[in-house]
C-alpha atoms as a PDB file:
ATOM      1  CA  UNK A   1     -14.845 -39.226 -16.291  1.00  0.00           C
ATOM      2  CA  UNK A   2     -17.937 -37.282 -15.210  1.00  0.00           C
ATOM      3  CA  UNK A   3     -18.151 -33.801 -16.733  1.00  0.00           C
ATOM      4  CA  UNK A   4     -18.048 -30.905 -14.299  1.00  0.00           C
ATOM      5  CA  UNK A   5     -21.281 -28.905 -14.202  1.00  0.00           C
ATOM      6  CA  UNK A   6     -21.538 -25.212 -13.407  1.00  0.00           C
ATOM      7  CA  UNK A   7     -23.085 -24.274 -10.070  1.00  0.00           C
ATOM      8  CA  UNK A   8     -25.834 -22.009 -11.400  1.00  0.00           C
ATOM      9  CA  UNK A   9     -27.485 -21.755  -7.970  1.00  0.00           C
ATOM     10  CA  UNK A  10     -24.437 -20.003  -6.482  1.00  0.00           C
ATOM     11  CA  UNK A  11     -24.387 -16.262  -6.065  1.00  0.00           C
ATOM     12  CA  UNK A  12     -21.724 -13.743  -6.979  1.00  0.00           C
ATOM     13  CA  UNK A  13     -19.251 -13.379  -4.108  1.00  0.00           C
ATOM     14  CA  UNK A  14     -18.549  -9.735  -4.968  1.00  0.00           C
ATOM     15  CA  UNK A  15     -21.696  -8.186  -6.472  1.00  0.00           C
ATOM     16  CA  UNK A  16     -20.262  -4.700  -5.993  1.00  0.00           C
ATOM     17  CA  UNK A  17     -17.593  -5.607  -8.590  1.00  0.00           C
ATOM     18  CA  UNK A  18     -19.864  -7.604 -10.904  1.00  0.00           C
ATOM     19  CA  UNK A  19     -19.418  -5.064 -13.723  1.00  0.00           C
ATOM     20  CA  UNK A  20     -15.831  -6.313 -14.274  1.00  0.00           C
ATOM     21  CA  UNK A  21     -16.661 -10.044 -14.246  1.00  0.00           C
ATOM     22  CA  UNK A  22     -16.400 -12.082 -17.441  1.00  0.00           C
ATOM     23  CA  UNK A  23     -20.133 -12.866 -17.497  1.00  0.00           C
ATOM     24  CA  UNK A  24     -21.119  -9.204 -17.226  1.00  0.00           C
ATOM     25  CA  UNK A  25     -18.527  -8.036 -19.762  1.00  0.00           C
ATOM     26  CA  UNK A  26     -19.711 -10.752 -22.147  1.00  0.00           C
ATOM     27  CA  UNK A  27     -23.372  -9.796 -21.749  1.00  0.00           C
ATOM     28  CA  UNK A  28     -22.428  -6.241 -22.764  1.00  0.00           C
ATOM     29  CA  UNK A  29     -20.753  -7.543 -25.929  1.00  0.00           C
ATOM     30  CA  UNK A  30     -17.241  -6.617 -24.772  1.00  0.00           C
ATOM     31  CA  UNK A  31     -15.639  -9.686 -26.352  1.00  0.00           C
ATOM     32  CA  UNK A  32     -12.195  -8.106 -26.839  1.00  0.00           C
ATOM     33  CA  UNK A  33     -12.048  -7.100 -23.166  1.00  0.00           C
ATOM     34  CA  UNK A  34     -13.090 -10.602 -22.103  1.00  0.00           C
ATOM     35  CA  UNK A  35     -10.399 -12.123 -24.314  1.00  0.00           C
ATOM     36  CA  UNK A  36      -7.810  -9.863 -22.634  1.00  0.00           C
ATOM     37  CA  UNK A  37      -8.827 -10.892 -19.094  1.00  0.00           C
ATOM     38  CA  UNK A  38      -8.929 -14.598 -19.947  1.00  0.00           C
ATOM     39  CA  UNK A  39      -5.782 -15.061 -22.063  1.00  0.00           C
ATOM     40  CA  UNK A  40      -3.462 -16.196 -19.197  1.00  0.00           C
ATOM     41  CA  UNK A  41      -5.836 -17.852 -16.701  1.00  0.00           C
ATOM     42  CA  UNK A  42      -5.009 -18.422 -13.042  1.00  0.00           C
ATOM     43  CA  UNK A  43      -8.538 -19.043 -11.639  1.00  0.00           C
ATOM     44  CA  UNK A  44     -11.834 -20.685 -12.597  1.00  0.00           C
ATOM     45  CA  UNK A  45     -15.324 -19.404 -11.783  1.00  0.00           C
ATOM     46  CA  UNK A  46     -17.205 -21.934  -9.637  1.00  0.00           C
ATOM     47  CA  UNK A  47     -20.498 -20.743 -11.149  1.00  0.00           C
ATOM     48  CA  UNK A  48     -19.934 -20.838 -14.911  1.00  0.00           C
ATOM     49  CA  UNK A  49     -16.535 -22.602 -15.046  1.00  0.00           C
ATOM     50  CA  UNK A  50     -14.861 -20.002 -17.252  1.00  0.00           C
ATOM     51  CA  UNK A  51     -11.120 -19.508 -16.678  1.00  0.00           C
ATOM     52  CA  UNK A  52      -9.856 -15.968 -16.027  1.00  0.00           C
ATOM     53  CA  UNK A  53      -6.557 -14.208 -15.424  1.00  0.00           C
ATOM     54  CA  UNK A  54      -7.384 -13.119 -11.857  1.00  0.00           C
ATOM     55  CA  UNK A  55     -10.076 -13.594  -9.176  1.00  0.00           C
ATOM     56  CA  UNK A  56     -11.530 -10.125  -9.754  1.00  0.00           C
ATOM     57  CA  UNK A  57     -12.778 -11.205 -13.191  1.00  0.00           C
ATOM     58  CA  UNK A  58     -15.152 -13.959 -11.995  1.00  0.00           C
ATOM     59  CA  UNK A  59     -18.124 -14.223  -9.632  1.00  0.00           C
ATOM     60  CA  UNK A  60     -16.859 -17.129  -7.531  1.00  0.00           C
ATOM     61  CA  UNK A  61     -13.113 -17.718  -7.940  1.00  0.00           C
ATOM     62  CA  UNK A  62     -11.746 -21.187  -7.336  1.00  0.00           C
ATOM     63  CA  UNK A  63      -8.544 -23.062  -8.121  1.00  0.00           C
ATOM     64  CA  UNK A  64      -7.686 -23.218 -11.805  1.00  0.00           C
ATOM     65  CA  UNK A  65      -8.267 -26.705 -13.104  1.00  0.00           C
ATOM     66  CA  UNK A  66     -11.408 -27.990 -14.740  1.00  0.00           C
ATOM     67  CA  UNK A  67     -12.657 -24.749 -16.257  1.00  0.00           C
ATOM     68  CA  UNK A  68     -13.003 -23.725 -19.868  1.00  0.00           C
ATOM     69  CA  UNK A  69     -11.352 -21.182 -22.108  1.00  0.00           C
ATOM     70  CA  UNK A  70     -13.719 -18.325 -22.912  1.00  0.00           C
ATOM     71  CA  UNK A  71     -13.524 -19.085 -26.643  1.00  0.00           C
ATOM     72  CA  UNK A  72     -14.785 -22.640 -25.989  1.00  0.00           C
ATOM     73  CA  UNK A  73     -17.898 -21.533 -24.097  1.00  0.00           C
ATOM     74  CA  UNK A  74     -18.588 -18.097 -25.541  1.00  0.00           C
ATOM     75  CA  UNK A  75     -22.034 -19.095 -26.883  1.00  0.00           C
ATOM     76  CA  UNK A  76     -23.353 -20.364 -23.539  1.00  0.00           C
ATOM     77  CA  UNK A  77     -22.318 -17.475 -21.265  1.00  0.00           C
ATOM     78  CA  UNK A  78     -25.353 -15.230 -21.825  1.00  0.00           C
ATOM     79  CA  UNK A  79     -27.786 -17.645 -20.122  1.00  0.00           C
ATOM     80  CA  UNK A  80     -25.517 -18.070 -17.105  1.00  0.00           C
ATOM     81  CA  UNK A  81     -24.953 -14.329 -16.798  1.00  0.00           C
ATOM     82  CA  UNK A  82     -28.704 -13.710 -16.771  1.00  0.00           C
ATOM     83  CA  UNK A  83     -29.212 -15.903 -13.727  1.00  0.00           C
ATOM     84  CA  UNK A  84     -26.269 -14.365 -11.902  1.00  0.00           C
ATOM     85  CA  UNK A  85     -27.371 -10.824 -12.787  1.00  0.00           C
ATOM     86  CA  UNK A  86     -30.851 -11.399 -11.353  1.00  0.00           C
ATOM     87  CA  UNK A  87     -29.311 -12.668  -8.117  1.00  0.00           C
ATOM     88  CA  UNK A  88     -27.033  -9.630  -7.908  1.00  0.00           C
ATOM     89  CA  UNK A  89     -29.995  -7.283  -8.436  1.00  0.00           C
ATOM     90  CA  UNK A  90     -31.915  -8.990  -5.612  1.00  0.00           C
ATOM     91  CA  UNK A  91     -28.895  -8.704  -3.300  1.00  0.00           C
ATOM     92  CA  UNK A  92     -28.560  -4.990  -4.066  1.00  0.00           C
ATOM     93  CA  UNK A  93     -32.252  -4.504  -3.263  1.00  0.00           C
ATOM     94  CA  UNK A  94     -31.879  -6.460  -0.022  1.00  0.00           C
ATOM     95  CA  UNK A  95     -34.305  -9.219  -1.013  1.00  0.00           C
END
């Protein structure tokens, strides 16, 4: 079976709500909050493949399936969030 890779070239589908996404919460060190919004997942982020409880907690929601629990990928999220954050900043500036 081929491992699923995150789509790091995708952009956040709701940059105006990025502050409540798992990647942004994680980058701010809000681990407890992230654990609360990922404890009963119903969706997966198409960008970083983290599972979350609802679409509003991820940048690009997709059907729950091949994603990861936050605790399994906690160490790798900061790099992914950085690339998404820079894209969101560019979108806000109209670039």
